[in-house]
Amino acid sequence: DRISSTSPCRHEAMSTFGQVFRVTTFGESHCKGVGAIVDGCPPCLALTEADIQPQLTRRRPGQSRLTTPRAEKDLVQILSGTEHGHTLGTPIGLFVPNEDQRPGDYKEMSDIPRPGHADFTYLIKYGNKASSGGGRSSARETIGRVAAGAIAEKWLRGTYGTEISCWVSSIGDVSLPESAVPRGEGGCLVGWTRAQVDEYGTLRMLRDPATFHRVGEAEVADADERRKANIDAEVAAEDAFLKLVGVHAGASAAGVAEAAKRGVAAAAAGAAEALRAMPCYEDWQGGVYTHDGGRLGEAELKGVDLASWRTDELLPLRCPHPPTACRMATLIRQVKVEKDSIGGAVACVCTGVPAALGEPVFDRLEAKMAHAMMSLPATKGFEIGSGFGGTVMRGSTHNDPFVANPVGGKPGDSGRPALGVSSNYAGGTLGGISSGAPVYFKIAVKSVSTIGQAQQTSRLTGEAITLEAKGRHDPCVLPRTPPLVEGMAALVLIDAALLQRTRLGGACTTVCDGTRNFDPANPWGDAANGAANGAANGAPAAKKARK
């Protein structure tokens, strides 16, 4: 037999993450659905689908023309582990149905492994692979992680005030300036809140009314015909814009002399002039930008009827720096029309992380965080704090000086350590243990493997062939990556926190004395019965004064 059923080796479940807060994901891209089983969630946590759905909505496909057009609602169902809107402490079952599968798109690729994809390695490892989609290597698998991470985040936020926020820091050669990232006390990087990332990082598409007109009901009464007419209008307007950008970029790359030889100097000059004052994007405050992020002032916009340029199309780049987001949007639009893909990087900051998390030496906090991030599809690099840039810094600069924490009262009474740091090149950990400073890291994400552009490859038989992949795929996954990173960061932090709590522990092994069941409307007993009733039903005990 190719696969022995009597192997003496025992293997950990490779679809499970965590030691105390354990998450097992299931499902493939084209099966009936995907999801997760969460085991080890603390009981009596208020939890409904509404607590989980926002993160799934942020990661779902079809958000804009910059992502895959696969139409999935990604509505989560809690199958088990809760009652009356609160967790029971038993396994929580989470399920999201797949609704827009198209297996036929992959028929021609059944015996052709896609270059850069996991098709071939899954086949040689298991002797079998999903016949359509990416199977377990598809980004659909991450739905279970994001859903479980949302539960972890709610507990962390309620217990420690932890907040986790991730944003797109670069796409291709377009990078967000480090100087634009908000910093807190002592210059420690704190970044943007999640709400700010979504608001500041979303652009409105502007289109030249000379090349684009939205067809209304008065013009075409039939809804289907009107939809087709508007799609055709959008395609024509997009082609006109990208042709203009392409001529300008082509001439810039070739140089003026070479452009003149090719006879495109005049066209390039015309394209440059048109683009210099062309409104292309609008930010959340009404600021108007060109294709390359140049902001247009009142003088440039004089006589321009912006209302006629505005469309209903929003582009959630999740890069909270509008000038950079504009350049990213234009790059992705160019890559998409070329049937190619592009990668980039995201940055993440976790604030309110309690000190003393992490298990040296092999399960240091940053080691677990790197494990979590590198388990996500398409990730190719991880760095924490100063990362690789720290290699050129001297110790006298890189060392983060300790300072007194402004906690008030005696040091340590608030649960915070007596000392903090005035800078954060370490990224929030020392010796693999959280210091109480923000945990800050970056992840490199490669370009999507499946592209429509022709590529040379081989059939499974070794026969050379040219592949032009079909299917619906992201030209760039970076705008949808933040919820994945936030979810995995939450899973690392909650597991580390629960492990530390088991170490500290206490003599009591019961949650309550069993005199009555948990009541969501009155969780810790009424005030008339005093603290004794609350303690009997799971209320947190008051801290003893330190001696």
Protein backbone atom coordinates (compact mmCIF):
# COMPACT_ATOMS: atom_id res chain seq x y z
CA ASP A 1 0.00 0.00 0.00
CA ARG A 2 1.17 3.52 -0.72
CA ILE A 3 -0.19 4.74 2.61
CA SER A 4 0.20 2.59 5.70
CA SER A 5 -2.60 2.57 8.28
CA THR A 6 -0.36 0.99 10.92
CA SER A 7 2.29 3.68 11.25
CA PRO A 8 3.81 3.65 14.77
CA CYS A 9 4.18 7.45 14.75
CA ARG A 10 1.53 9.67 16.28
CA HIS A 11 0.94 13.01 14.60
CA GLU A 12 -0.58 16.17 16.01
CA ALA A 13 -3.68 17.35 14.15
CA MET A 14 -2.26 19.59 11.43
CA SER A 15 -5.49 21.59 11.12
CA THR A 16 -5.48 22.57 14.82
CA PHE A 17 -3.83 25.62 16.40
CA GLY A 18 -3.36 26.40 20.10
CA GLN A 19 -2.83 24.53 23.36
CA VAL A 20 -5.55 25.83 25.69
CA PHE A 21 -7.70 27.82 23.25
CA ARG A 22 -7.70 25.25 20.45
CA VAL A 23 -9.03 25.99 16.97
CA THR A 24 -9.56 23.32 14.31
CA THR A 25 -10.54 24.55 10.85
CA PHE A 26 -12.29 22.46 8.22
CA GLY A 27 -13.49 22.70 4.63
CA GLU A 28 -12.20 23.36 1.13
CA SER A 29 -12.86 26.12 -1.36
CA HIS A 30 -15.51 24.21 -3.33
CA CYS A 31 -17.12 21.93 -0.72
CA LYS A 32 -20.46 22.67 0.98
CA GLY A 33 -18.87 25.04 3.45
CA VAL A 34 -15.97 25.97 5.70
CA GLY A 35 -15.64 26.69 9.40
CA ALA A 36 -13.99 25.89 12.69
CA ILE A 37 -14.38 24.13 16.02
CA VAL A 38 -13.22 26.26 18.96
CA ASP A 39 -12.41 24.31 22.11
CA GLY A 40 -11.29 25.91 25.37
CA CYS A 41 -13.22 29.17 25.13
CA PRO A 42 -13.95 30.51 28.64
CA PRO A 43 -17.62 30.11 29.68
CA CYS A 44 -20.18 32.88 30.21
CA LEU A 45 -18.74 35.11 27.46
CA ALA A 46 -21.49 37.05 25.69
CA LEU A 47 -21.33 35.82 22.08
CA THR A 48 -23.57 35.86 19.02
CA GLU A 49 -23.00 35.83 15.26
CA ALA A 50 -23.03 39.64 15.37
CA ASP A 51 -19.73 39.56 17.28
CA ILE A 52 -18.07 37.48 14.54
CA GLN A 53 -19.63 38.71 11.30
CA PRO A 54 -17.86 42.10 10.97
CA GLN A 55 -14.44 40.48 10.55
CA LEU A 56 -15.77 37.95 8.03
CA THR A 57 -17.37 40.77 6.06
CA ARG A 58 -14.02 42.59 5.99
CA ARG A 59 -12.28 39.50 4.49
CA ARG A 60 -14.99 38.32 2.11
CA PRO A 61 -14.40 38.33 -1.67
CA GLY A 62 -16.10 40.65 -4.13
CA GLN A 63 -15.53 43.86 -2.15
CA SER A 64 -14.35 45.86 -5.16
CA ARG A 65 -12.84 45.56 -8.64
CA LEU A 66 -9.45 45.19 -6.91
CA THR A 67 -10.38 41.76 -5.51
CA THR A 68 -11.78 38.48 -6.82
CA PRO A 69 -15.35 38.80 -8.18
CA ARG A 70 -16.41 35.56 -6.44
CA ALA A 71 -19.73 36.48 -4.78
CA GLU A 72 -19.89 35.08 -1.25
CA LYS A 73 -21.91 36.52 1.63
CA ASP A 74 -19.78 34.58 4.17
CA LEU A 75 -22.55 34.64 6.79
CA VAL A 76 -21.48 32.71 9.88
CA GLN A 77 -23.67 30.33 11.87
CA ILE A 78 -22.91 29.30 15.45
CA LEU A 79 -23.85 25.63 15.59
CA SER A 80 -22.96 24.82 19.19
CA GLY A 81 -21.28 25.98 22.37
CA THR A 82 -23.60 28.89 23.22
CA GLU A 83 -26.97 29.31 24.87
CA HIS A 84 -28.97 32.49 25.46
CA GLY A 85 -26.19 34.43 23.77
CA HIS A 86 -23.39 33.24 26.09
CA THR A 87 -20.68 30.61 25.77
CA LEU A 88 -21.13 27.35 27.65
CA GLY A 89 -17.44 26.50 27.89
CA THR A 90 -18.01 23.58 25.50
CA PRO A 91 -16.77 23.39 21.88
CA ILE A 92 -18.13 26.15 19.66
CA GLY A 93 -19.03 25.07 16.13
CA LEU A 94 -18.79 27.74 13.43
CA PHE A 95 -20.00 27.24 9.85
CA VAL A 96 -20.01 29.39 6.70
CA PRO A 97 -21.59 27.93 3.53
CA ASN A 98 -19.88 28.15 0.14
CA GLU A 99 -22.47 29.59 -2.24
CA ASP A 100 -20.65 30.58 -5.44
CA GLN A 101 -18.52 27.62 -6.49
CA ARG A 102 -17.64 27.12 -10.15
CA PRO A 103 -15.84 23.75 -10.39
CA GLY A 104 -16.00 23.91 -14.19
CA ASP A 105 -13.39 26.68 -14.21
CA TYR A 106 -10.79 24.12 -13.09
CA LYS A 107 -11.63 21.23 -15.43
CA GLU A 108 -8.82 21.98 -17.88
CA MET A 109 -6.32 22.23 -15.00
CA SER A 110 -7.08 18.83 -13.47
CA ASP A 111 -3.75 17.37 -14.66
CA ILE A 112 -1.80 20.65 -14.85
CA PRO A 113 -0.27 21.85 -11.57
CA ARG A 114 -0.36 25.64 -11.42
CA PRO A 115 3.10 27.27 -11.19
CA GLY A 116 3.68 28.64 -7.69
CA HIS A 117 0.60 26.85 -6.32
CA ALA A 118 0.26 24.01 -3.79
CA ASP A 119 -1.57 21.73 -6.25
CA PHE A 120 1.46 19.52 -6.84
CA THR A 121 2.78 19.32 -3.28
CA TYR A 122 -0.66 18.38 -1.91
CA LEU A 123 -0.83 15.64 -4.54
CA ILE A 124 2.55 14.10 -3.73
CA LYS A 125 1.93 14.35 0.04
CA TYR A 126 -1.57 12.84 0.16
CA GLY A 127 -1.81 10.98 -3.16
CA ASN A 128 -5.04 12.91 -3.77
CA LYS A 129 -6.12 16.52 -4.11
CA ALA A 130 -9.28 18.58 -4.50
CA SER A 131 -10.28 18.53 -8.15
CA SER A 132 -11.35 22.18 -8.19
CA GLY A 133 -10.33 25.32 -6.36
CA GLY A 134 -7.35 25.26 -4.06
CA GLY A 135 -8.70 22.70 -1.60
CA ARG A 136 -7.24 23.25 1.87
CA SER A 137 -4.59 25.59 0.44
CA SER A 138 -7.32 28.00 -0.68
CA ALA A 139 -7.79 31.26 1.21
CA ARG A 140 -11.34 30.04 1.91
CA GLU A 141 -9.79 27.96 4.71
CA THR A 142 -8.95 31.17 6.58
CA ILE A 143 -12.64 31.88 7.23
CA GLY A 144 -12.53 29.54 10.22
CA ARG A 145 -9.45 31.31 11.58
CA VAL A 146 -11.03 34.76 11.24
CA ALA A 147 -14.24 33.61 12.93
CA ALA A 148 -12.36 31.98 15.82
CA GLY A 149 -10.09 35.02 16.08
CA ALA A 150 -13.11 37.29 16.49
CA ILE A 151 -14.16 35.25 19.55
CA ALA A 152 -10.64 35.46 20.95
CA GLU A 153 -10.56 39.21 20.37
CA LYS A 154 -13.79 39.75 22.27
CA TRP A 155 -12.42 37.93 25.32
CA LEU A 156 -9.06 39.75 25.13
CA ARG A 157 -10.73 43.14 24.78
CA GLY A 158 -13.09 42.53 27.70
CA THR A 159 -10.39 41.03 29.93
CA TYR A 160 -7.34 43.18 29.20
CA GLY A 161 -8.49 45.97 26.89
CA THR A 162 -6.42 44.47 24.06
CA GLU A 163 -6.90 45.98 20.59
CA ILE A 164 -5.46 44.53 17.38
CA SER A 165 -5.19 46.50 14.15
CA CYS A 166 -3.57 45.63 10.83
CA TRP A 167 -3.09 47.76 7.71
CA VAL A 168 -1.54 47.46 4.25
CA SER A 169 1.95 48.95 4.34
CA SER A 170 3.07 48.21 0.78
CA ILE A 171 1.91 46.81 -2.54
CA GLY A 172 4.57 46.11 -5.14
CA ASP A 173 7.04 49.00 -5.05
CA VAL A 174 4.50 51.39 -3.49
CA SER A 175 5.12 51.79 0.25
CA LEU A 176 3.43 53.74 3.00
CA PRO A 177 5.95 56.17 4.60
CA GLU A 178 6.96 55.04 8.10
CA SER A 179 6.79 58.68 9.16
CA ALA A 180 3.03 58.63 8.51
CA VAL A 181 2.35 55.89 11.08
CA PRO A 182 0.96 57.37 14.34
CA ARG A 183 3.11 57.09 17.46
CA GLY A 184 2.29 57.30 21.13
CA GLU A 185 4.20 58.23 24.26
CA GLY A 186 7.96 58.23 23.83
CA GLY A 187 7.63 57.71 20.08
CA CYS A 188 6.33 54.12 20.40
CA LEU A 189 4.46 53.14 17.24
CA VAL A 190 0.75 52.57 17.91
CA GLY A 191 -0.67 52.78 14.39
CA TRP A 192 -4.32 53.35 13.53
CA THR A 193 -7.44 51.83 15.03
CA ARG A 194 -9.29 49.29 12.94
CA ALA A 195 -12.07 51.79 12.28
CA GLN A 196 -9.51 54.33 11.07
CA VAL A 197 -7.85 51.76 8.79
CA ASP A 198 -11.20 51.07 7.14
CA GLU A 199 -12.26 54.71 6.91
CA TYR A 200 -8.98 56.35 5.92
CA GLY A 201 -8.02 53.43 3.68
CA THR A 202 -11.13 53.50 1.48
CA LEU A 203 -11.19 55.55 -1.74
CA ARG A 204 -14.06 56.51 -4.01
CA MET A 205 -13.48 55.91 -7.71
CA LEU A 206 -13.78 59.00 -9.90
CA ARG A 207 -14.38 58.64 -13.65
CA ASP A 208 -14.09 61.13 -16.47
CA PRO A 209 -17.67 61.97 -17.58
CA ALA A 210 -16.29 62.25 -21.11
CA THR A 211 -15.64 58.48 -21.12
CA PHE A 212 -18.16 57.22 -18.54
CA HIS A 213 -21.88 57.62 -18.10
CA ARG A 214 -24.05 55.52 -15.80
CA VAL A 215 -27.15 54.30 -17.61
CA GLY A 216 -30.34 55.05 -15.69
CA GLU A 217 -33.77 53.47 -15.62
CA ALA A 218 -35.17 56.23 -17.80
CA GLU A 219 -32.71 55.24 -20.53
CA VAL A 220 -32.98 51.45 -20.26
CA ALA A 221 -36.07 50.11 -18.49
CA ASP A 222 -35.07 46.44 -18.30
CA ALA A 223 -32.94 45.82 -15.19
CA ASP A 224 -30.77 43.10 -16.77
CA GLU A 225 -30.14 45.11 -19.90
CA ARG A 226 -29.36 48.19 -17.82
CA ARG A 227 -26.86 46.19 -15.75
CA LYS A 228 -25.13 44.95 -18.90
CA ALA A 229 -25.00 48.46 -20.35
CA ASN A 230 -23.39 49.81 -17.16
CA ILE A 231 -20.82 46.99 -17.12
CA ASP A 232 -19.92 47.80 -20.73
CA ALA A 233 -19.62 51.48 -19.82
CA GLU A 234 -17.34 50.70 -16.87
CA VAL A 235 -15.12 48.45 -19.00
CA ALA A 236 -14.78 51.14 -21.67
CA ALA A 237 -13.97 53.83 -19.10
CA GLU A 238 -11.43 51.57 -17.34
CA ASP A 239 -9.75 50.76 -20.66
CA ALA A 240 -9.52 54.47 -21.51
CA PHE A 241 -7.97 55.28 -18.11
CA LEU A 242 -5.46 52.42 -18.18
CA LYS A 243 -4.47 53.21 -21.75
CA LEU A 244 -3.67 56.75 -20.65
CA VAL A 245 -1.68 55.53 -17.65
CA GLY A 246 0.08 52.92 -19.80
CA VAL A 247 1.24 55.41 -22.41
CA HIS A 248 2.57 57.72 -19.69
CA ALA A 249 4.30 54.90 -17.80
CA GLY A 250 5.72 53.40 -20.99
CA ALA A 251 7.29 56.64 -22.03
CA SER A 252 8.65 57.29 -18.53
CA ALA A 253 10.26 53.87 -18.43
CA ALA A 254 11.74 54.16 -21.91
CA GLY A 255 13.14 57.65 -21.45
CA VAL A 256 12.43 60.70 -23.59
CA ALA A 257 15.06 59.87 -26.20
CA GLU A 258 13.86 56.32 -26.68
CA ALA A 259 10.25 57.46 -26.67
CA ALA A 260 11.02 59.89 -29.46
CA LYS A 261 12.61 57.10 -31.49
CA ARG A 262 9.45 55.07 -31.05
CA GLY A 263 7.32 58.00 -32.09
CA VAL A 264 5.35 58.15 -28.86
CA ALA A 265 6.81 61.33 -27.38
CA ALA A 266 3.81 63.43 -28.34
CA ALA A 267 1.35 60.84 -27.07
CA ALA A 268 3.28 60.52 -23.82
CA ALA A 269 3.32 64.28 -23.33
CA GLY A 270 -0.41 64.40 -23.95
CA ALA A 271 -1.03 61.57 -21.52
CA ALA A 272 1.12 63.19 -18.86
CA GLU A 273 -0.70 66.49 -19.27
CA ALA A 274 -4.11 64.81 -19.04
CA LEU A 275 -3.17 62.79 -15.95
CA ARG A 276 -1.57 65.73 -14.16
CA ALA A 277 -4.95 67.36 -13.51
CA MET A 278 -7.28 64.36 -13.78
CA PRO A 279 -9.36 63.58 -10.66
CA CYS A 280 -9.08 59.81 -10.12
CA TYR A 281 -9.82 59.13 -6.44
CA GLU A 282 -11.58 60.82 -3.53
CA ASP A 283 -10.72 60.15 0.11
CA TRP A 284 -12.99 60.00 3.17
CA GLN A 285 -12.70 63.75 3.78
CA GLY A 286 -13.41 64.77 0.20
CA GLY A 287 -9.77 65.20 -0.80
CA VAL A 288 -9.24 64.61 -4.53
CA TYR A 289 -6.18 62.85 -5.96
CA THR A 290 -4.58 61.98 -9.28
CA HIS A 291 -3.67 58.44 -10.35
CA ASP A 292 -0.29 58.67 -8.60
CA GLY A 293 -1.52 60.20 -5.32
CA GLY A 294 -0.96 63.86 -6.10
CA ARG A 295 -3.54 65.98 -4.28
CA LEU A 296 -5.49 68.42 -6.40
CA GLY A 297 -6.12 71.82 -4.86
CA GLU A 298 -8.81 74.39 -5.50
CA ALA A 299 -6.89 75.90 -8.41
CA GLU A 300 -6.62 72.56 -10.25
CA LEU A 301 -10.27 71.73 -9.57
CA LYS A 302 -11.62 75.13 -10.61
CA GLY A 303 -14.42 74.59 -13.09
CA VAL A 304 -14.55 70.82 -12.45
CA ASP A 305 -18.00 69.45 -11.58
CA LEU A 306 -16.92 66.72 -9.16
CA ALA A 307 -20.49 65.43 -8.84
CA SER A 308 -20.31 64.31 -12.48
CA TRP A 309 -17.03 62.45 -11.79
CA ARG A 310 -18.18 60.59 -8.67
CA THR A 311 -19.22 56.95 -8.89
CA ASP A 312 -20.75 54.59 -6.35
CA GLU A 313 -17.64 52.42 -6.49
CA LEU A 314 -15.58 52.25 -3.29
CA LEU A 315 -12.09 50.75 -3.08
CA PRO A 316 -11.22 49.43 0.40
CA LEU A 317 -7.41 49.37 0.13
CA ARG A 318 -6.95 49.38 3.93
CA CYS A 319 -3.90 51.58 3.56
CA PRO A 320 -4.82 54.52 5.86
CA HIS A 321 -2.66 57.02 3.97
CA PRO A 322 -4.72 58.29 1.00
CA PRO A 323 -1.84 59.43 -1.27
CA THR A 324 -0.21 56.00 -0.96
CA ALA A 325 -3.56 54.22 -1.31
CA CYS A 326 -4.15 56.01 -4.63
CA ARG A 327 -0.86 54.75 -6.05
CA MET A 328 -1.68 51.25 -4.81
CA ALA A 329 -5.11 51.33 -6.44
CA THR A 330 -3.67 52.38 -9.80
CA LEU A 331 -1.01 49.66 -9.62
CA ILE A 332 -3.56 46.93 -8.88
CA ARG A 333 -5.78 48.14 -11.73
CA GLN A 334 -2.83 47.91 -14.12
CA VAL A 335 -1.86 44.45 -12.88
CA LYS A 336 -5.42 43.21 -13.22
CA VAL A 337 -5.84 44.27 -16.84
CA GLU A 338 -2.54 42.51 -17.61
CA LYS A 339 -4.01 39.29 -16.11
CA ASP A 340 -1.20 39.27 -13.56
CA SER A 341 -0.93 39.61 -9.76
CA ILE A 342 1.10 41.58 -7.23
CA GLY A 343 2.15 41.10 -3.59
CA GLY A 344 3.11 43.40 -0.73
CA ALA A 345 3.27 43.66 3.05
CA VAL A 346 1.00 44.37 6.00
CA ALA A 347 1.83 45.77 9.43
CA CYS A 348 0.04 44.89 12.66
CA VAL A 349 0.05 46.40 16.14
CA CYS A 350 -1.48 44.87 19.28
CA THR A 351 -2.02 47.34 22.12
CA GLY A 352 -3.13 46.53 25.65
CA VAL A 353 -1.24 43.24 25.57
CA PRO A 354 -0.71 42.07 29.16
CA ALA A 355 2.86 41.56 30.28
CA ALA A 356 4.45 38.14 30.91
CA LEU A 357 2.92 36.27 27.94
CA GLY A 358 5.11 33.76 26.10
CA GLU A 359 6.72 30.43 27.01
CA PRO A 360 10.52 30.42 26.63
CA VAL A 361 12.41 29.03 25.08
CA PHE A 362 10.75 27.29 22.14
CA ASP A 363 7.33 28.90 22.48
CA ARG A 364 8.44 32.50 22.81
CA LEU A 365 5.62 34.91 22.04
CA GLU A 366 7.23 36.13 18.80
CA ALA A 367 7.96 32.52 17.78
CA LYS A 368 4.28 31.61 18.18
CA MET A 369 3.29 34.80 16.35
CA ALA A 370 5.65 33.97 13.47
CA HIS A 371 4.26 30.41 13.38
CA ALA A 372 0.72 31.77 13.18
CA MET A 373 1.46 34.32 10.46
CA MET A 374 3.55 31.98 8.33
CA SER A 375 0.71 29.44 8.41
CA LEU A 376 -1.47 31.86 6.45
CA PRO A 377 -1.63 31.36 2.66
CA ALA A 378 0.89 33.31 0.53
CA THR A 379 2.96 34.61 3.48
CA LYS A 380 6.71 34.71 2.81
CA GLY A 381 8.26 36.70 5.62
CA PHE A 382 7.82 37.87 9.22
CA GLU A 383 9.64 40.52 11.23
CA ILE A 384 8.93 41.95 14.66
CA GLY A 385 9.87 45.38 15.98
CA SER A 386 12.81 46.78 14.05
CA GLY A 387 13.05 43.49 12.15
CA PHE A 388 15.77 43.24 9.52
CA GLY A 389 16.27 47.00 9.71
CA GLY A 390 17.53 46.54 13.25
CA THR A 391 20.60 44.70 11.95
CA VAL A 392 22.21 47.98 10.92
CA MET A 393 21.53 49.71 14.25
CA ARG A 394 24.03 49.83 17.10
CA GLY A 395 23.01 48.52 20.49
CA SER A 396 23.25 51.98 21.99
CA THR A 397 20.42 53.04 19.65
CA HIS A 398 18.43 49.81 19.45
CA ASN A 399 18.17 49.24 23.21
CA ASP A 400 14.80 50.44 24.56
CA PRO A 401 15.39 52.43 27.80
CA PHE A 402 13.20 51.49 30.77
CA VAL A 403 11.04 54.20 32.34
CA ALA A 404 8.55 54.24 35.21
CA ASN A 405 5.03 53.28 34.19
CA PRO A 406 2.55 56.10 35.01
CA VAL A 407 0.09 53.73 36.68
CA GLY A 408 -0.52 55.64 39.91
CA GLY A 409 -0.32 54.15 43.38
CA LYS A 410 2.21 51.48 44.18
CA PRO A 411 3.97 49.89 41.19
CA GLY A 412 2.17 46.75 40.07
CA ASP A 413 -1.14 47.46 41.86
CA SER A 414 -2.96 47.93 38.53
CA GLY A 415 -1.64 44.68 37.07
CA ARG A 416 0.82 46.60 34.88
CA PRO A 417 4.55 46.16 35.42
CA ALA A 418 6.39 48.90 37.30
CA LEU A 419 8.50 49.72 34.24
CA GLY A 420 7.71 50.52 30.64
CA VAL A 421 9.94 51.48 27.70
CA SER A 422 10.50 54.86 26.04
CA SER A 423 11.00 53.30 22.57
CA ASN A 424 9.95 49.98 21.10
CA TYR A 425 12.55 48.62 18.67
CA ALA A 426 12.07 45.21 20.35
CA GLY A 427 8.46 45.13 19.16
CA GLY A 428 6.81 44.43 22.51
CA THR A 429 8.75 41.38 23.72
CA LEU A 430 11.98 40.74 25.62
CA GLY A 431 13.37 37.23 25.73
CA GLY A 432 10.19 35.98 24.11
CA ILE A 433 7.97 37.40 26.87
CA SER A 434 5.61 40.35 26.39
CA SER A 435 6.82 43.48 28.17
CA GLY A 436 3.54 45.39 28.19
CA ALA A 437 4.58 47.55 25.23
CA PRO A 438 2.62 47.30 21.95
CA VAL A 439 3.42 44.17 19.97
CA TYR A 440 4.34 45.33 16.45
CA PHE A 441 5.23 43.18 13.45
CA LYS A 442 5.11 43.00 9.64
CA ILE A 443 4.30 40.17 7.24
CA ALA A 444 5.36 39.80 3.60
CA VAL A 445 2.68 38.43 1.27
CA LYS A 446 3.55 37.11 -2.18
CA SER A 447 1.57 37.62 -5.38
CA VAL A 448 -1.31 35.24 -6.11
CA SER A 449 -0.21 32.12 -8.01
CA THR A 450 -3.25 31.65 -10.25
CA ILE A 451 -3.15 34.21 -13.06
CA GLY A 452 -4.80 34.45 -16.46
CA GLN A 453 -1.54 35.32 -18.19
CA ALA A 454 0.02 32.51 -20.24
CA GLN A 455 2.70 30.56 -18.32
CA GLN A 456 4.94 27.72 -19.36
CA THR A 457 4.53 24.62 -17.18
CA SER A 458 4.07 20.84 -17.45
CA ARG A 459 1.31 18.31 -17.17
CA LEU A 460 1.65 15.68 -14.44
CA THR A 461 3.07 13.43 -17.15
CA GLY A 462 5.94 15.88 -17.74
CA GLU A 463 4.58 17.09 -21.07
CA ALA A 464 5.33 20.79 -21.61
CA ILE A 465 2.25 22.99 -21.93
CA THR A 466 1.17 26.62 -21.82
CA LEU A 467 -1.36 27.37 -19.09
CA GLU A 468 -3.79 30.27 -19.07
CA ALA A 469 -5.65 29.70 -15.80
CA LYS A 470 -9.39 30.26 -15.57
CA GLY A 471 -11.37 31.04 -12.44
CA ARG A 472 -11.91 34.12 -10.30
CA HIS A 473 -8.82 35.21 -8.43
CA ASP A 474 -7.50 38.30 -6.66
CA PRO A 475 -4.99 40.42 -8.60
CA CYS A 476 -3.81 41.38 -5.10
CA VAL A 477 -4.85 39.84 -1.75
CA LEU A 478 -3.38 42.59 0.45
CA PRO A 479 -6.65 44.59 0.90
CA ARG A 480 -8.31 41.44 2.31
CA THR A 481 -5.35 40.34 4.44
CA PRO A 482 -5.76 42.47 7.63
CA PRO A 483 -8.66 40.41 9.12
CA LEU A 484 -6.60 37.22 8.67
CA VAL A 485 -3.61 38.69 10.48
CA GLU A 486 -5.76 40.19 13.24
CA GLY A 487 -7.51 36.85 13.77
CA MET A 488 -4.29 34.84 14.03
CA ALA A 489 -2.73 37.44 16.36
CA ALA A 490 -5.75 37.14 18.64
CA LEU A 491 -5.45 33.34 18.69
CA VAL A 492 -1.79 33.59 19.72
CA LEU A 493 -2.50 36.12 22.46
CA ILE A 494 -5.50 34.37 24.01
CA ASP A 495 -3.68 31.04 24.10
CA ALA A 496 -0.64 32.66 25.72
CA ALA A 497 -2.84 34.48 28.24
CA LEU A 498 -4.75 31.35 29.21
CA LEU A 499 -1.50 29.41 29.58
CA GLN A 500 -0.13 32.08 31.92
CA ARG A 501 -3.37 32.07 33.92
CA THR A 502 -3.09 28.30 34.43
CA ARG A 503 0.41 28.86 35.80
CA LEU A 504 -0.75 31.50 38.28
CA GLY A 505 -3.94 29.62 39.08
CA GLY A 506 -5.30 29.34 42.59
CA ALA A 507 -6.62 26.76 45.02
CA CYS A 508 -10.21 26.92 43.77
CA THR A 509 -11.11 24.51 40.96
CA THR A 510 -14.81 25.39 40.59
CA VAL A 511 -16.40 28.27 38.71
CA CYS A 512 -19.35 28.46 41.11
CA ASP A 513 -20.85 26.51 44.01
CA GLY A 514 -23.66 25.07 41.87
CA THR A 515 -26.56 26.63 43.77
CA ARG A 516 -28.02 28.06 40.56
CA ASN A 517 -27.38 28.17 36.83
CA PHE A 518 -25.80 31.11 35.03
CA ASP A 519 -28.33 33.87 34.33
CA PRO A 520 -27.31 36.16 31.43
CA ALA A 521 -29.67 38.88 32.70
CA ASN A 522 -28.09 38.84 36.17
CA PRO A 523 -24.74 37.09 35.72
CA TRP A 524 -23.18 37.60 39.15
CA GLY A 525 -26.25 37.71 41.39
CA ASP A 526 -28.25 40.70 42.63
CA ALA A 527 -26.82 43.39 44.82
CA ALA A 528 -29.20 42.56 47.69
CA ASN A 529 -27.53 39.22 48.23
CA GLY A 530 -24.10 40.82 48.27
CA ALA A 531 -20.75 39.55 47.07
CA ALA A 532 -21.32 36.05 48.43
CA ASN A 533 -24.04 35.34 45.89
CA GLY A 534 -21.88 36.72 43.10
CA ALA A 535 -18.89 34.61 44.12
CA ALA A 536 -21.10 31.55 44.25
CA ASN A 537 -21.99 32.06 40.61
CA GLY A 538 -18.66 32.79 39.00
CA ALA A 539 -17.99 36.43 39.80
CA PRO A 540 -14.28 37.30 39.68
CA ALA A 541 -12.86 37.42 43.18
CA ALA A 542 -11.46 40.72 44.42
CA LYS A 543 -7.67 40.97 44.39
CA LYS A 544 -5.91 40.63 47.71
CA ALA A 545 -3.84 43.61 48.75
CA ARG A 546 -0.13 43.20 48.13
CA LYS A 547 2.06 43.04 51.22
